[in-house]
Protein backbone atom coordinates (compact mmCIF):
# COMPACT_ATOMS: atom_id res chain seq x y z
CA MET A 1 59.10 -187.56 130.68
CA LYS A 2 57.30 -185.61 133.41
CA HIS A 3 60.44 -185.50 135.57
CA LYS A 4 62.56 -184.44 132.62
CA ARG A 5 60.18 -181.55 131.84
CA LEU A 6 60.18 -180.49 135.50
CA LEU A 7 63.98 -180.57 135.54
CA ILE A 8 64.11 -178.36 132.44
CA ILE A 9 61.71 -175.87 134.02
CA LEU A 10 63.68 -175.77 137.26
CA THR A 11 66.95 -175.38 135.39
CA ALA A 12 65.50 -172.52 133.34
CA ALA A 13 64.21 -170.84 136.51
CA VAL A 14 67.60 -171.10 138.19
CA VAL A 15 69.37 -169.74 135.11
CA ALA A 16 66.88 -166.86 134.92
CA ALA A 17 67.34 -166.10 138.62
CA LEU A 18 71.12 -166.15 138.29
CA ALA A 19 70.91 -163.93 135.23
CA ALA A 20 68.72 -161.48 137.16
CA LEU A 21 71.19 -161.44 140.06
CA VAL A 22 74.10 -160.84 137.71
CA PHE A 23 72.15 -158.07 135.98
CA VAL A 24 71.36 -156.39 139.28
CA ALA A 25 74.91 -156.77 140.59
CA LEU A 26 76.58 -155.66 137.38
CA PHE A 27 74.40 -152.64 136.69
CA SER A 28 73.79 -151.34 140.22
CA VAL A 29 75.35 -147.93 140.78
CA LYS A 30 78.62 -148.27 142.71
CA ASP A 31 80.58 -145.16 141.78
CA VAL A 32 79.44 -141.53 141.99
CA VAL A 33 81.94 -139.03 140.58
CA VAL A 34 81.42 -135.31 141.21
CA LYS A 35 83.21 -132.82 138.98
CA TYR A 36 82.96 -129.39 140.48
CA ALA A 37 83.84 -125.73 140.21
CA VAL A 38 83.30 -125.11 143.93
CA TYR A 39 85.41 -126.12 146.91
CA GLY A 40 85.29 -127.32 150.48
CA ASP A 41 82.32 -128.74 152.33
CA ARG A 42 79.97 -128.23 149.40
CA VAL A 43 81.63 -131.07 147.53
CA THR A 44 81.45 -133.41 150.52
CA ASP A 45 77.78 -132.53 150.89
CA ALA A 46 77.16 -133.25 147.21
CA GLU A 47 78.78 -136.66 147.48
CA GLU A 48 76.75 -137.45 150.58
CA VAL A 49 73.49 -136.47 148.90
CA LEU A 50 74.31 -138.50 145.79
CA SER A 51 75.23 -141.56 147.85
CA SER A 52 71.49 -142.24 148.11
CA PHE A 53 71.60 -143.36 144.47
CA LYS A 54 74.16 -146.08 145.09
CA GLY A 55 72.67 -149.54 144.63
CA LYS A 56 70.01 -148.35 142.18
CA ASN A 57 69.92 -149.96 138.75
CA ILE A 58 71.61 -147.67 136.26
CA PHE A 59 69.15 -148.52 133.47
CA PHE A 60 66.22 -147.21 135.50
CA LEU A 61 68.04 -144.24 136.98
CA ASP A 62 66.45 -140.89 136.07
CA GLU A 63 69.07 -138.17 135.48
CA LYS A 64 66.44 -135.51 136.20
CA GLU A 65 65.84 -137.04 139.62
CA VAL A 66 69.57 -136.83 140.37
CA GLU A 67 69.62 -133.17 139.31
CA LYS A 68 66.50 -132.31 141.33
CA THR A 69 67.90 -134.01 144.42
CA LEU A 70 71.02 -131.83 144.31
CA VAL A 71 69.18 -128.61 143.50
CA ASP A 72 66.61 -129.18 146.26
CA ASN A 73 69.20 -129.97 148.92
CA LEU A 74 72.27 -127.88 148.10
CA ALA A 75 73.15 -124.42 146.87
CA LEU A 76 74.62 -125.74 143.64
CA LYS A 77 73.95 -125.53 139.94
CA VAL A 78 73.94 -128.87 138.13
CA ASP A 79 75.72 -128.56 134.78
CA GLY A 80 75.26 -132.17 133.75
CA VAL A 81 74.39 -135.72 134.84
CA LYS A 82 75.78 -138.66 132.88
CA LYS A 83 75.46 -142.41 133.31
CA VAL A 84 78.81 -144.19 133.09
CA TYR A 85 78.16 -147.82 132.27
CA PRO A 86 78.13 -150.32 133.73
CA ALA A 87 77.80 -148.91 137.25
CA GLY A 88 78.62 -145.22 137.63
CA ILE A 89 77.20 -141.70 137.64
CA GLU A 90 79.17 -138.59 136.74
CA VAL A 91 77.77 -135.25 137.91
CA SER A 92 79.16 -131.80 137.11
CA VAL A 93 78.24 -129.01 139.53
CA SER A 94 79.13 -125.36 139.85
CA ARG A 95 78.01 -122.21 141.58
CA LEU A 96 76.19 -119.30 140.01
CA ARG A 97 77.43 -115.75 140.46
CA GLU A 98 76.85 -113.99 143.77
CA ARG A 99 74.17 -111.35 143.47
CA TYR A 100 72.27 -110.73 146.71
CA ALA A 101 73.22 -110.05 150.32
CA PHE A 102 70.17 -110.53 152.55
CA VAL A 103 70.44 -108.23 155.55
CA THR A 104 69.92 -109.74 159.02
CA GLY A 105 70.64 -108.60 162.55
CA ASP A 106 73.94 -110.46 162.65
CA GLY A 107 75.31 -110.23 159.13
CA TYR A 108 74.55 -110.95 155.50
CA TYR A 109 73.36 -114.14 153.82
CA VAL A 110 74.91 -114.13 150.36
CA ALA A 111 72.84 -115.70 147.58
CA ASP A 112 73.34 -116.29 143.89
CA GLU A 113 71.14 -115.46 140.90
CA GLU A 114 68.74 -118.31 141.70
CA PHE A 115 68.54 -117.53 145.43
CA ALA A 116 70.83 -120.35 146.52
CA VAL A 117 72.42 -119.17 149.77
CA ILE A 118 76.19 -119.53 149.37
CA ASP A 119 77.61 -118.06 152.55
CA LYS A 120 77.07 -115.92 155.63
CA ARG A 121 79.38 -112.93 156.08
CA SER A 122 79.87 -110.04 158.46
CA GLU A 123 80.32 -107.62 155.54
CA ASN A 124 78.58 -107.19 152.20
CA VAL A 125 81.54 -108.08 150.00
CA ASN A 126 81.46 -110.14 146.81
CA SER A 127 84.09 -112.90 146.97
CA TYR A 128 84.99 -112.52 143.28
CA ASP A 129 85.51 -108.80 142.80
CA GLY A 130 85.50 -107.41 146.35
CA LEU A 131 82.58 -105.07 145.56
CA GLY A 132 79.17 -105.09 147.19
CA ASN A 133 76.33 -107.42 146.32
CA ILE A 134 72.78 -106.07 146.15
CA ALA A 135 71.79 -105.61 149.80
CA VAL A 136 68.23 -106.86 150.33
CA THR A 137 66.12 -105.93 153.35
CA ALA A 138 62.81 -107.79 153.62
CA GLU A 139 60.26 -106.27 156.00
CA ILE A 140 57.51 -108.76 155.31
CA ASN A 141 54.98 -110.75 157.33
CA GLU A 142 56.56 -114.08 156.42
CA PRO A 143 60.28 -114.00 157.35
CA LEU A 144 62.62 -115.67 154.88
CA SER A 145 64.15 -118.99 155.94
CA LEU A 146 67.81 -118.19 155.38
CA ALA A 147 70.39 -120.95 155.79
CA VAL A 148 73.76 -121.55 154.17
CA LEU A 149 73.72 -124.16 151.37
CA LYS A 150 69.93 -123.96 151.10
CA ARG A 151 67.95 -122.50 148.22
CA LEU A 152 65.16 -119.97 148.76
CA ASP A 153 62.09 -121.09 146.83
CA TYR A 154 61.30 -118.03 144.73
CA LYS A 155 58.83 -120.00 142.61
CA SER A 156 56.38 -120.39 145.48
CA ASN A 157 57.29 -117.22 147.41
CA PRO A 158 55.54 -114.19 145.85
CA TYR A 159 57.91 -111.68 147.48
CA LEU A 160 61.00 -113.35 146.05
CA ALA A 161 59.30 -113.88 142.69
CA ALA A 162 58.57 -110.14 142.48
CA LEU A 163 62.11 -109.30 143.61
CA LYS A 164 63.56 -111.56 140.93
CA ALA A 165 61.30 -110.10 138.24
CA ALA A 166 62.32 -106.56 139.21
CA VAL A 167 66.05 -107.25 139.29
CA GLU A 168 66.11 -109.18 136.03
CA CYS A 169 64.87 -106.12 134.15
CA PHE A 170 68.50 -104.97 134.37
CA SER A 171 71.21 -106.64 132.30
CA THR A 172 73.89 -105.97 134.94
CA PRO A 173 71.95 -105.73 138.23
CA ARG A 174 74.92 -105.41 140.58
CA ASP A 175 76.28 -102.54 138.51
CA ASP A 176 72.94 -100.71 138.62
CA ILE A 177 71.37 -101.48 141.99
CA SER A 178 72.92 -101.01 145.44
CA ASP A 179 70.03 -101.81 147.79
CA ILE A 180 66.52 -103.23 147.68
CA LEU A 181 63.80 -102.86 150.28
CA VAL A 182 60.77 -105.17 150.12
CA TYR A 183 58.09 -104.17 152.60
CA GLU A 184 54.43 -104.49 153.52
CA THR A 185 52.32 -101.33 153.66
CA ALA A 186 49.40 -100.63 155.98
CA GLU A 187 47.05 -101.68 153.18
CA ALA A 188 46.54 -105.45 153.24
CA GLY A 189 48.19 -107.18 150.31
CA ASN A 190 49.97 -104.03 149.15
CA VAL A 191 53.68 -104.80 148.93
CA ARG A 192 56.21 -102.25 147.73
CA ILE A 193 59.71 -102.71 146.40
CA THR A 194 62.21 -99.86 146.45
CA LEU A 195 65.31 -100.20 144.30
CA SER A 196 68.13 -97.83 145.26
CA MET A 197 70.14 -97.21 142.13
CA ARG A 198 73.88 -96.66 142.40
CA THR A 199 73.50 -93.22 140.81
CA GLY A 200 71.32 -92.10 143.75
CA VAL A 201 67.78 -92.13 142.38
CA LYS A 202 65.26 -94.64 143.76
CA ILE A 203 62.68 -96.71 141.90
CA VAL A 204 59.52 -97.35 143.92
CA VAL A 205 57.25 -100.13 142.68
CA TYR A 206 53.68 -99.89 143.99
CA LYS A 207 51.66 -103.08 144.41
CA ALA A 208 54.85 -104.86 143.52
CA LEU A 209 53.39 -108.37 143.41
CA GLU A 210 51.39 -107.42 140.34
CA ARG A 211 52.89 -106.80 136.87
CA THR A 212 56.29 -106.27 138.45
CA ALA A 213 58.41 -106.53 135.32
CA GLU A 214 56.16 -104.15 133.38
CA LYS A 215 56.35 -101.53 136.10
CA VAL A 216 60.12 -101.73 136.43
CA ALA A 217 60.48 -101.64 132.64
CA ALA A 218 58.49 -98.39 132.63
CA ALA A 219 60.75 -97.02 135.37
CA LYS A 220 63.83 -97.96 133.35
CA GLU A 221 62.44 -96.14 130.36
CA LYS A 222 61.82 -93.06 132.49
CA LEU A 223 65.33 -93.37 133.97
CA SER A 224 66.85 -93.29 130.50
CA THR A 225 65.25 -89.89 129.85
CA LEU A 226 66.65 -88.24 132.98
CA SER A 227 69.65 -85.97 132.97
CA ASP A 228 72.76 -87.03 134.87
CA ARG A 229 71.88 -84.50 137.55
CA ASP A 230 68.35 -85.85 138.04
CA LYS A 231 69.69 -89.41 138.32
CA LEU A 232 71.50 -88.37 141.51
CA THR A 233 68.36 -87.71 143.58
CA GLY A 234 64.62 -88.15 143.68
CA LYS A 235 62.53 -91.17 142.88
CA ILE A 236 60.69 -92.82 140.04
CA GLU A 237 57.30 -94.15 141.11
CA CYS A 238 55.83 -96.88 138.94
CA LEU A 239 52.27 -98.06 139.23
CA GLU A 240 49.20 -99.28 137.40
CA ARG A 241 46.45 -96.75 136.76
CA GLU A 242 42.71 -97.43 136.91
CA ASP A 243 42.62 -97.88 133.13
CA SER A 244 45.21 -100.71 133.54
CA THR A 245 48.05 -98.77 131.94
CA VAL A 246 51.42 -98.81 133.67
CA ILE A 247 53.15 -95.48 134.23
CA ALA A 248 56.39 -94.21 135.78
CA VAL A 249 56.60 -90.73 137.27
CA TYR A 250 59.78 -88.96 138.39
CA THR A 251 59.74 -86.57 141.34
CA VAL A 252 62.69 -84.69 142.86
CA ARG A 253 61.59 -85.23 146.48
C-alpha cells in the first residue's frame, strides 16, 4: 500500500511538472508584431527593444511595462499594446507631430510635442509641410542632452516643463511662435523665456519657472487687445507682482 501511494504521488508530481512545462512553453511570448506609422531604423529599433519580452509568460505580461519600455527608449508614441494568445504581442506605434527645432552649433535637433527627438537637420524645416518648426535656444546652466531617437524628460527638467507650459497656452503653437529663448539671468534662480511671435511682437516671461501658464495666458489676453500695427513690434512683459497678481504690460521698445 505504501509503495502504491508513493507511486501515485510521484506520478502526480511528474504530471504536474509536465503540465507546468507545457504551460510555460505554450504561453511564452514568441512573436512580437509592430504596426507602425513611421519608417526606417525606428521600426528596427522598436523590434529590438521589444525582443526583451520574448520568453516571458503572456499571462503575467504587463502591457504598461511594454509601453513604458518603448517610450523610455525610443522617440515613439505607443498607440496600443495587445496580447495575442497564445504567445504573441501586437504593438502599434506612431510619431507625434514635429514642433520644436533645438538650436545647436552644428544644426537643429527636431523634436515632437512630447520632446521626443525625431531627427537632426542642417535646416529648420518641418518634414510634413516644409515650414519652420519653433526654433528653441536654451542658454541655461544645465545643457540639454540632445540625441536622435531619445526623449527629453520634461517632467523632471524645470526648464522644459516651463517651456511646454508656455507653448501649450497656444492652440496652434507653430502658427503663432517662430522662436523661443530660454535663458538664465544674473539673478540666481531667475529664468526668463522669450517667445518671438510670428507677427513680430515678443512675449517675455519673468521668473518663468513659476506660474508659467498663468503669465503666458495674461500675455495672450494682452496680445488680443493690441492693434495689428502694435503686434508688429514691441514686447509684452508678464510677471507676478508683490500682491501675487499676474500682469502683462505692453511696451513699444
